[in-house]
Amino acid sequence: MYRVGEPLIAFDHAISRPKLPLLDRGMAEQVWESSLPRFLSAVVGPHFEQICREWVAHFAAPETFGGMPIDVSYGTVPDQALRTGYEIDVVVRGAVDQDNGVLLSLGEAKWDQVMGTGHLERLRHAQALLAGRGVDVSAVRPAC
């Protein structure tokens, strides 16, 4: 899987290219109306997730996650029992005392949704899956 990091290129791939024949016929308003959900999920959502990761990496105080964030990324936690995977928007590894590389947080970042207990339960389930694979999750703070 790959992600297009530049929002303008993501917009072109998600919105403009698939609807090019309609755009060429001057139907920009109709294209925009029908493409808004795709724009939010394929362009705005991933860009917001990246902004959240950058905030954690550059501005989060150590007490926010219980340690100094060192590596901030995203990932997928596989659930073999359900034959699915859980995408984690913000994965924070950091330093706690003298231990570098501690998993500090698993996070959800959603632009167009109210974050609630369902999101936290999903993160806790992913955390339990990681623990079952031998990952030390004792310092993990789920974050929305």
N, C-alpha and C. Protein backbone atom coordinates (compact mmCIF):
# COMPACT_ATOMS: atom_id res chain seq x y z
N MET A 1 0.84 -1.17 0.00
CA MET A 1 0.00 0.00 0.00
C MET A 1 0.89 1.24 0.00
N TYR A 2 0.47 2.26 -0.68
CA TYR A 2 1.21 3.52 -0.67
C TYR A 2 0.23 4.66 -0.40
N ARG A 3 0.79 5.75 0.05
CA ARG A 3 -0.01 6.95 0.31
C ARG A 3 0.61 8.10 -0.47
N VAL A 4 -0.24 8.89 -1.08
CA VAL A 4 0.22 10.09 -1.75
C VAL A 4 0.22 11.19 -0.70
N GLY A 5 1.39 11.74 -0.42
CA GLY A 5 1.53 12.71 0.66
C GLY A 5 1.19 14.14 0.28
N GLU A 6 1.29 14.49 -0.97
CA GLU A 6 1.02 15.86 -1.42
C GLU A 6 -0.47 16.00 -1.70
N PRO A 7 -1.17 16.91 -0.99
CA PRO A 7 -2.62 17.03 -1.15
C PRO A 7 -3.07 17.36 -2.58
N LEU A 8 -2.31 18.16 -3.31
CA LEU A 8 -2.73 18.49 -4.68
C LEU A 8 -2.66 17.27 -5.60
N ILE A 9 -1.64 16.45 -5.42
CA ILE A 9 -1.54 15.23 -6.22
C ILE A 9 -2.63 14.25 -5.80
N ALA A 10 -2.88 14.15 -4.51
CA ALA A 10 -3.96 13.29 -4.02
C ALA A 10 -5.29 13.73 -4.60
N PHE A 11 -5.52 15.04 -4.66
CA PHE A 11 -6.76 15.57 -5.25
C PHE A 11 -6.86 15.18 -6.72
N ASP A 12 -5.77 15.32 -7.44
CA ASP A 12 -5.77 14.97 -8.86
C ASP A 12 -6.11 13.49 -9.05
N HIS A 13 -5.48 12.61 -8.27
CA HIS A 13 -5.71 11.18 -8.42
C HIS A 13 -7.11 10.77 -7.96
N ALA A 14 -7.61 11.37 -6.90
CA ALA A 14 -8.89 10.96 -6.33
C ALA A 14 -10.09 11.62 -6.99
N ILE A 15 -9.94 12.86 -7.44
CA ILE A 15 -11.09 13.62 -7.93
C ILE A 15 -10.99 13.95 -9.41
N SER A 16 -9.94 14.63 -9.81
CA SER A 16 -9.85 15.16 -11.17
C SER A 16 -9.74 14.08 -12.24
N ARG A 17 -8.77 13.20 -12.12
CA ARG A 17 -8.55 12.19 -13.16
C ARG A 17 -9.75 11.29 -13.41
N PRO A 18 -10.37 10.75 -12.36
CA PRO A 18 -11.52 9.87 -12.63
C PRO A 18 -12.70 10.58 -13.30
N LYS A 19 -12.80 11.87 -13.11
CA LYS A 19 -13.94 12.63 -13.64
C LYS A 19 -13.55 13.56 -14.79
N LEU A 20 -12.39 13.34 -15.37
CA LEU A 20 -11.89 14.23 -16.42
C LEU A 20 -12.86 14.42 -17.58
N PRO A 21 -13.52 13.37 -18.09
CA PRO A 21 -14.47 13.60 -19.19
C PRO A 21 -15.59 14.58 -18.81
N LEU A 22 -16.07 14.47 -17.58
CA LEU A 22 -17.13 15.40 -17.13
C LEU A 22 -16.58 16.82 -16.96
N LEU A 23 -15.37 16.93 -16.44
CA LEU A 23 -14.75 18.24 -16.28
C LEU A 23 -14.51 18.89 -17.64
N ASP A 24 -14.11 18.10 -18.62
CA ASP A 24 -13.90 18.62 -19.97
C ASP A 24 -15.19 19.14 -20.58
N ARG A 25 -16.31 18.63 -20.13
CA ARG A 25 -17.62 19.09 -20.63
C ARG A 25 -18.17 20.24 -19.80
N GLY A 26 -17.36 20.78 -18.87
CA GLY A 26 -17.78 21.94 -18.09
C GLY A 26 -18.71 21.63 -16.93
N MET A 27 -18.66 20.42 -16.43
CA MET A 27 -19.56 20.00 -15.35
C MET A 27 -18.87 19.99 -14.00
N ALA A 28 -18.07 21.02 -13.74
CA ALA A 28 -17.28 21.08 -12.51
C ALA A 28 -18.16 21.06 -11.26
N GLU A 29 -19.28 21.78 -11.29
CA GLU A 29 -20.15 21.84 -10.11
C GLU A 29 -20.72 20.46 -9.78
N GLN A 30 -21.17 19.73 -10.78
CA GLN A 30 -21.72 18.39 -10.56
C GLN A 30 -20.62 17.42 -10.09
N VAL A 31 -19.44 17.57 -10.67
CA VAL A 31 -18.32 16.71 -10.24
C VAL A 31 -18.01 16.97 -8.78
N TRP A 32 -17.95 18.23 -8.39
CA TRP A 32 -17.63 18.56 -7.00
C TRP A 32 -18.68 18.02 -6.05
N GLU A 33 -19.96 18.19 -6.39
CA GLU A 33 -21.04 17.70 -5.52
C GLU A 33 -20.96 16.19 -5.33
N SER A 34 -20.68 15.47 -6.41
CA SER A 34 -20.63 14.00 -6.30
C SER A 34 -19.31 13.51 -5.70
N SER A 35 -18.29 14.35 -5.70
CA SER A 35 -16.97 13.93 -5.24
C SER A 35 -16.64 14.35 -3.81
N LEU A 36 -17.50 15.12 -3.18
CA LEU A 36 -17.19 15.62 -1.85
C LEU A 36 -16.88 14.52 -0.84
N PRO A 37 -17.67 13.44 -0.76
CA PRO A 37 -17.30 12.38 0.20
C PRO A 37 -15.93 11.77 -0.10
N ARG A 38 -15.62 11.57 -1.36
CA ARG A 38 -14.31 11.02 -1.75
C ARG A 38 -13.21 12.01 -1.40
N PHE A 39 -13.45 13.30 -1.60
CA PHE A 39 -12.48 14.33 -1.26
C PHE A 39 -12.16 14.30 0.23
N LEU A 40 -13.19 14.19 1.06
CA LEU A 40 -12.97 14.15 2.51
C LEU A 40 -12.19 12.91 2.93
N SER A 41 -12.51 11.76 2.33
CA SER A 41 -11.84 10.52 2.76
C SER A 41 -10.48 10.31 2.13
N ALA A 42 -10.27 10.76 0.90
CA ALA A 42 -9.02 10.46 0.19
C ALA A 42 -8.03 11.61 0.17
N VAL A 43 -8.48 12.82 0.45
CA VAL A 43 -7.58 13.98 0.40
C VAL A 43 -7.48 14.64 1.78
N VAL A 44 -8.59 15.11 2.29
CA VAL A 44 -8.58 15.84 3.56
C VAL A 44 -8.19 14.93 4.72
N GLY A 45 -8.78 13.74 4.79
CA GLY A 45 -8.49 12.82 5.90
C GLY A 45 -7.02 12.48 6.03
N PRO A 46 -6.39 11.97 4.96
CA PRO A 46 -4.97 11.65 5.06
C PRO A 46 -4.09 12.87 5.35
N HIS A 47 -4.46 14.02 4.80
CA HIS A 47 -3.68 15.23 5.08
C HIS A 47 -3.80 15.62 6.55
N PHE A 48 -5.00 15.53 7.10
CA PHE A 48 -5.19 15.83 8.52
C PHE A 48 -4.40 14.85 9.39
N GLU A 49 -4.38 13.58 9.02
CA GLU A 49 -3.60 12.60 9.77
C GLU A 49 -2.13 12.98 9.79
N GLN A 50 -1.61 13.43 8.63
CA GLN A 50 -0.21 13.84 8.56
C GLN A 50 0.05 15.08 9.43
N ILE A 51 -0.88 16.02 9.43
CA ILE A 51 -0.74 17.21 10.28
C ILE A 51 -0.69 16.78 11.75
N CYS A 52 -1.52 15.81 12.14
CA CYS A 52 -1.51 15.32 13.52
C CYS A 52 -0.18 14.67 13.86
N ARG A 53 0.36 13.87 12.94
CA ARG A 53 1.67 13.24 13.19
C ARG A 53 2.76 14.31 13.33
N GLU A 54 2.72 15.33 12.48
CA GLU A 54 3.71 16.40 12.57
C GLU A 54 3.58 17.17 13.88
N TRP A 55 2.34 17.38 14.34
CA TRP A 55 2.15 18.07 15.62
C TRP A 55 2.79 17.26 16.74
N VAL A 56 2.53 15.96 16.75
CA VAL A 56 3.12 15.11 17.79
C VAL A 56 4.64 15.17 17.73
N ALA A 57 5.20 15.07 16.54
CA ALA A 57 6.66 15.02 16.38
C ALA A 57 7.33 16.33 16.78
N HIS A 58 6.68 17.46 16.55
CA HIS A 58 7.36 18.75 16.73
C HIS A 58 6.84 19.59 17.90
N PHE A 59 5.62 19.32 18.37
CA PHE A 59 5.04 20.22 19.36
C PHE A 59 4.52 19.57 20.63
N ALA A 60 4.30 18.26 20.62
CA ALA A 60 3.74 17.61 21.81
C ALA A 60 4.73 17.64 22.96
N ALA A 61 4.26 18.01 24.11
CA ALA A 61 5.10 18.00 25.31
C ALA A 61 5.29 16.55 25.77
N PRO A 62 6.40 16.25 26.41
CA PRO A 62 6.64 14.87 26.87
C PRO A 62 5.52 14.33 27.76
N GLU A 63 4.89 15.18 28.55
CA GLU A 63 3.83 14.69 29.43
C GLU A 63 2.55 14.30 28.67
N THR A 64 2.41 14.77 27.43
CA THR A 64 1.23 14.41 26.63
C THR A 64 1.15 12.91 26.43
N PHE A 65 2.29 12.27 26.15
CA PHE A 65 2.31 10.84 25.88
C PHE A 65 3.11 10.05 26.91
N GLY A 66 3.54 10.70 27.96
CA GLY A 66 4.28 10.01 29.01
C GLY A 66 5.74 9.75 28.67
N GLY A 67 6.25 10.45 27.69
CA GLY A 67 7.65 10.31 27.28
C GLY A 67 7.92 11.24 26.11
N MET A 68 9.17 11.35 25.73
CA MET A 68 9.56 12.22 24.62
C MET A 68 9.32 11.50 23.30
N PRO A 69 8.41 12.00 22.44
CA PRO A 69 8.21 11.37 21.13
C PRO A 69 9.49 11.44 20.30
N ILE A 70 9.92 10.30 19.76
CA ILE A 70 11.11 10.22 18.92
C ILE A 70 10.72 9.87 17.48
N ASP A 71 9.86 8.87 17.34
CA ASP A 71 9.44 8.42 16.02
C ASP A 71 7.92 8.44 15.96
N VAL A 72 7.38 9.14 14.96
CA VAL A 72 5.93 9.23 14.80
C VAL A 72 5.61 8.76 13.38
N SER A 73 4.73 7.77 13.29
CA SER A 73 4.40 7.21 11.99
C SER A 73 2.96 6.71 12.00
N TYR A 74 2.63 5.84 11.06
CA TYR A 74 1.33 5.19 11.01
C TYR A 74 1.58 3.72 10.71
N GLY A 75 0.55 2.91 10.87
CA GLY A 75 0.74 1.50 10.60
C GLY A 75 -0.56 0.73 10.64
N THR A 76 -0.44 -0.57 10.46
CA THR A 76 -1.60 -1.46 10.48
C THR A 76 -1.31 -2.60 11.45
N VAL A 77 -2.29 -2.88 12.30
CA VAL A 77 -2.19 -4.00 13.24
C VAL A 77 -3.09 -5.11 12.71
N PRO A 78 -2.51 -6.24 12.32
CA PRO A 78 -3.33 -7.32 11.78
C PRO A 78 -4.10 -8.06 12.87
N ASP A 79 -5.32 -8.45 12.53
CA ASP A 79 -6.14 -9.27 13.41
C ASP A 79 -6.44 -10.55 12.65
N GLN A 80 -5.63 -11.58 12.89
CA GLN A 80 -5.76 -12.81 12.12
C GLN A 80 -7.05 -13.55 12.43
N ALA A 81 -7.57 -13.40 13.63
CA ALA A 81 -8.81 -14.08 13.99
C ALA A 81 -9.98 -13.55 13.17
N LEU A 82 -10.01 -12.26 12.94
CA LEU A 82 -11.09 -11.65 12.15
C LEU A 82 -10.71 -11.46 10.69
N ARG A 83 -9.46 -11.81 10.36
CA ARG A 83 -8.94 -11.66 8.99
C ARG A 83 -9.10 -10.23 8.48
N THR A 84 -8.63 -9.32 9.30
CA THR A 84 -8.68 -7.90 8.96
C THR A 84 -7.47 -7.21 9.57
N GLY A 85 -7.39 -5.93 9.38
CA GLY A 85 -6.33 -5.15 9.98
C GLY A 85 -6.89 -3.82 10.47
N TYR A 86 -6.25 -3.26 11.46
CA TYR A 86 -6.67 -1.98 12.02
C TYR A 86 -5.62 -0.94 11.66
N GLU A 87 -6.03 0.02 10.84
CA GLU A 87 -5.11 1.10 10.49
C GLU A 87 -5.01 2.06 11.67
N ILE A 88 -3.79 2.36 12.05
CA ILE A 88 -3.53 3.28 13.15
C ILE A 88 -2.94 4.54 12.53
N ASP A 89 -3.62 5.66 12.74
CA ASP A 89 -3.24 6.92 12.08
C ASP A 89 -1.99 7.55 12.68
N VAL A 90 -1.82 7.42 13.98
CA VAL A 90 -0.67 8.04 14.66
C VAL A 90 -0.07 7.02 15.62
N VAL A 91 1.14 6.57 15.32
CA VAL A 91 1.88 5.63 16.17
C VAL A 91 3.07 6.40 16.73
N VAL A 92 3.15 6.47 18.05
CA VAL A 92 4.20 7.25 18.70
C VAL A 92 5.13 6.32 19.47
N ARG A 93 6.40 6.37 19.11
CA ARG A 93 7.45 5.69 19.87
C ARG A 93 8.32 6.78 20.48
N GLY A 94 8.86 6.50 21.64
CA GLY A 94 9.66 7.54 22.27
C GLY A 94 10.53 7.04 23.38
N ALA A 95 11.01 8.01 24.13
CA ALA A 95 11.94 7.73 25.22
C ALA A 95 11.25 7.94 26.56
N VAL A 96 11.41 6.95 27.43
CA VAL A 96 10.95 7.03 28.81
C VAL A 96 12.16 6.70 29.67
N ASP A 97 12.59 7.67 30.46
CA ASP A 97 13.82 7.53 31.24
C ASP A 97 14.97 7.20 30.28
N GLN A 98 15.64 6.07 30.47
CA GLN A 98 16.77 5.69 29.61
C GLN A 98 16.36 4.74 28.48
N ASP A 99 15.09 4.40 28.41
CA ASP A 99 14.62 3.43 27.42
C ASP A 99 14.08 4.15 26.18
N ASN A 100 14.79 4.03 25.05
CA ASN A 100 14.33 4.60 23.78
C ASN A 100 13.53 3.55 23.01
N GLY A 101 12.59 3.99 22.22
CA GLY A 101 11.82 3.07 21.40
C GLY A 101 10.61 2.48 22.08
N VAL A 102 10.17 3.06 23.18
CA VAL A 102 8.98 2.59 23.90
C VAL A 102 7.75 3.01 23.09
N LEU A 103 6.80 2.10 22.94
CA LEU A 103 5.54 2.44 22.29
C LEU A 103 4.73 3.30 23.26
N LEU A 104 4.55 4.57 22.89
CA LEU A 104 3.89 5.52 23.78
C LEU A 104 2.40 5.69 23.49
N SER A 105 2.03 5.63 22.20
CA SER A 105 0.64 5.92 21.88
C SER A 105 0.22 5.30 20.56
N LEU A 106 -1.04 4.93 20.51
CA LEU A 106 -1.74 4.58 19.27
C LEU A 106 -2.86 5.59 19.14
N GLY A 107 -2.97 6.21 17.97
CA GLY A 107 -3.95 7.28 17.85
C GLY A 107 -4.79 7.24 16.59
N GLU A 108 -5.98 7.79 16.72
CA GLU A 108 -6.91 7.99 15.62
C GLU A 108 -6.99 9.48 15.34
N ALA A 109 -7.01 9.83 14.06
CA ALA A 109 -7.17 11.23 13.66
C ALA A 109 -8.22 11.28 12.56
N LYS A 110 -9.38 11.79 12.85
CA LYS A 110 -10.48 11.84 11.89
C LYS A 110 -10.94 13.28 11.71
N TRP A 111 -10.88 13.74 10.47
CA TRP A 111 -11.26 15.11 10.15
C TRP A 111 -12.76 15.33 10.26
N ASP A 112 -13.55 14.41 9.74
CA ASP A 112 -14.98 14.66 9.58
C ASP A 112 -15.85 13.81 10.50
N GLN A 113 -15.31 13.38 11.63
CA GLN A 113 -16.08 12.57 12.57
C GLN A 113 -15.91 13.09 13.98
N VAL A 114 -16.95 12.91 14.77
CA VAL A 114 -16.84 13.18 16.20
C VAL A 114 -16.18 11.95 16.80
N MET A 115 -15.11 12.17 17.53
CA MET A 115 -14.39 11.06 18.14
C MET A 115 -15.13 10.63 19.40
N GLY A 116 -15.25 9.32 19.58
CA GLY A 116 -15.99 8.83 20.73
C GLY A 116 -15.40 7.55 21.28
N THR A 117 -16.16 6.91 22.15
CA THR A 117 -15.68 5.71 22.82
C THR A 117 -15.45 4.56 21.84
N GLY A 118 -16.18 4.53 20.73
CA GLY A 118 -15.95 3.50 19.73
C GLY A 118 -14.55 3.55 19.16
N HIS A 119 -14.04 4.77 18.95
CA HIS A 119 -12.68 4.93 18.46
C HIS A 119 -11.67 4.45 19.51
N LEU A 120 -11.92 4.79 20.77
CA LEU A 120 -11.02 4.34 21.85
C LEU A 120 -11.05 2.82 22.00
N GLU A 121 -12.21 2.21 21.87
CA GLU A 121 -12.30 0.75 21.98
C GLU A 121 -11.53 0.09 20.84
N ARG A 122 -11.61 0.66 19.65
CA ARG A 122 -10.86 0.14 18.51
C ARG A 122 -9.36 0.20 18.78
N LEU A 123 -8.89 1.32 19.34
CA LEU A 123 -7.48 1.46 19.68
C LEU A 123 -7.08 0.48 20.78
N ARG A 124 -7.94 0.29 21.75
CA ARG A 124 -7.64 -0.67 22.83
C ARG A 124 -7.58 -2.09 22.30
N HIS A 125 -8.43 -2.39 21.33
CA HIS A 125 -8.39 -3.73 20.72
C HIS A 125 -7.07 -3.91 19.96
N ALA A 126 -6.66 -2.91 19.21
CA ALA A 126 -5.36 -2.98 18.50
C ALA A 126 -4.22 -3.13 19.50
N GLN A 127 -4.32 -2.42 20.62
CA GLN A 127 -3.29 -2.52 21.67
C GLN A 127 -3.25 -3.95 22.22
N ALA A 128 -4.40 -4.55 22.45
CA ALA A 128 -4.45 -5.93 22.96
C ALA A 128 -3.86 -6.90 21.95
N LEU A 129 -4.11 -6.67 20.66
CA LEU A 129 -3.53 -7.53 19.62
C LEU A 129 -2.00 -7.44 19.64
N LEU A 130 -1.48 -6.22 19.80
CA LEU A 130 -0.03 -6.04 19.88
C LEU A 130 0.53 -6.74 21.11
N ALA A 131 -0.16 -6.61 22.23
CA ALA A 131 0.30 -7.28 23.46
C ALA A 131 0.33 -8.79 23.25
N GLY A 132 -0.65 -9.32 22.55
CA GLY A 132 -0.70 -10.75 22.27
C GLY A 132 0.45 -11.22 21.38
N ARG A 133 1.05 -10.29 20.66
CA ARG A 133 2.20 -10.62 19.80
C ARG A 133 3.52 -10.34 20.51
N GLY A 134 3.46 -10.00 21.80
CA GLY A 134 4.67 -9.80 22.58
C GLY A 134 5.20 -8.38 22.61
N VAL A 135 4.44 -7.43 22.07
CA VAL A 135 4.87 -6.03 22.09
C VAL A 135 4.57 -5.45 23.47
N ASP A 136 5.53 -4.73 24.05
CA ASP A 136 5.33 -4.08 25.34
C ASP A 136 4.41 -2.87 25.14
N VAL A 137 3.21 -2.96 25.66
CA VAL A 137 2.22 -1.88 25.51
C VAL A 137 1.92 -1.23 26.86
N SER A 138 2.77 -1.44 27.84
CA SER A 138 2.51 -0.94 29.20
C SER A 138 2.48 0.59 29.28
N ALA A 139 3.15 1.27 28.36
CA ALA A 139 3.17 2.73 28.39
C ALA A 139 2.21 3.37 27.38
N VAL A 140 1.46 2.55 26.65
CA VAL A 140 0.61 3.08 25.58
C VAL A 140 -0.54 3.90 26.13
N ARG A 141 -0.71 5.09 25.51
CA ARG A 141 -1.86 5.94 25.79
C ARG A 141 -2.65 6.08 24.50
N PRO A 142 -3.88 5.50 24.45
CA PRO A 142 -4.70 5.70 23.26
C PRO A 142 -5.03 7.18 23.13
N ALA A 143 -5.06 7.67 21.88
CA ALA A 143 -5.30 9.10 21.68
C ALA A 143 -6.19 9.33 20.47
N CYS A 144 -7.11 10.26 20.65
CA CYS A 144 -7.97 10.70 19.55
C CYS A 144 -7.76 12.18 19.33
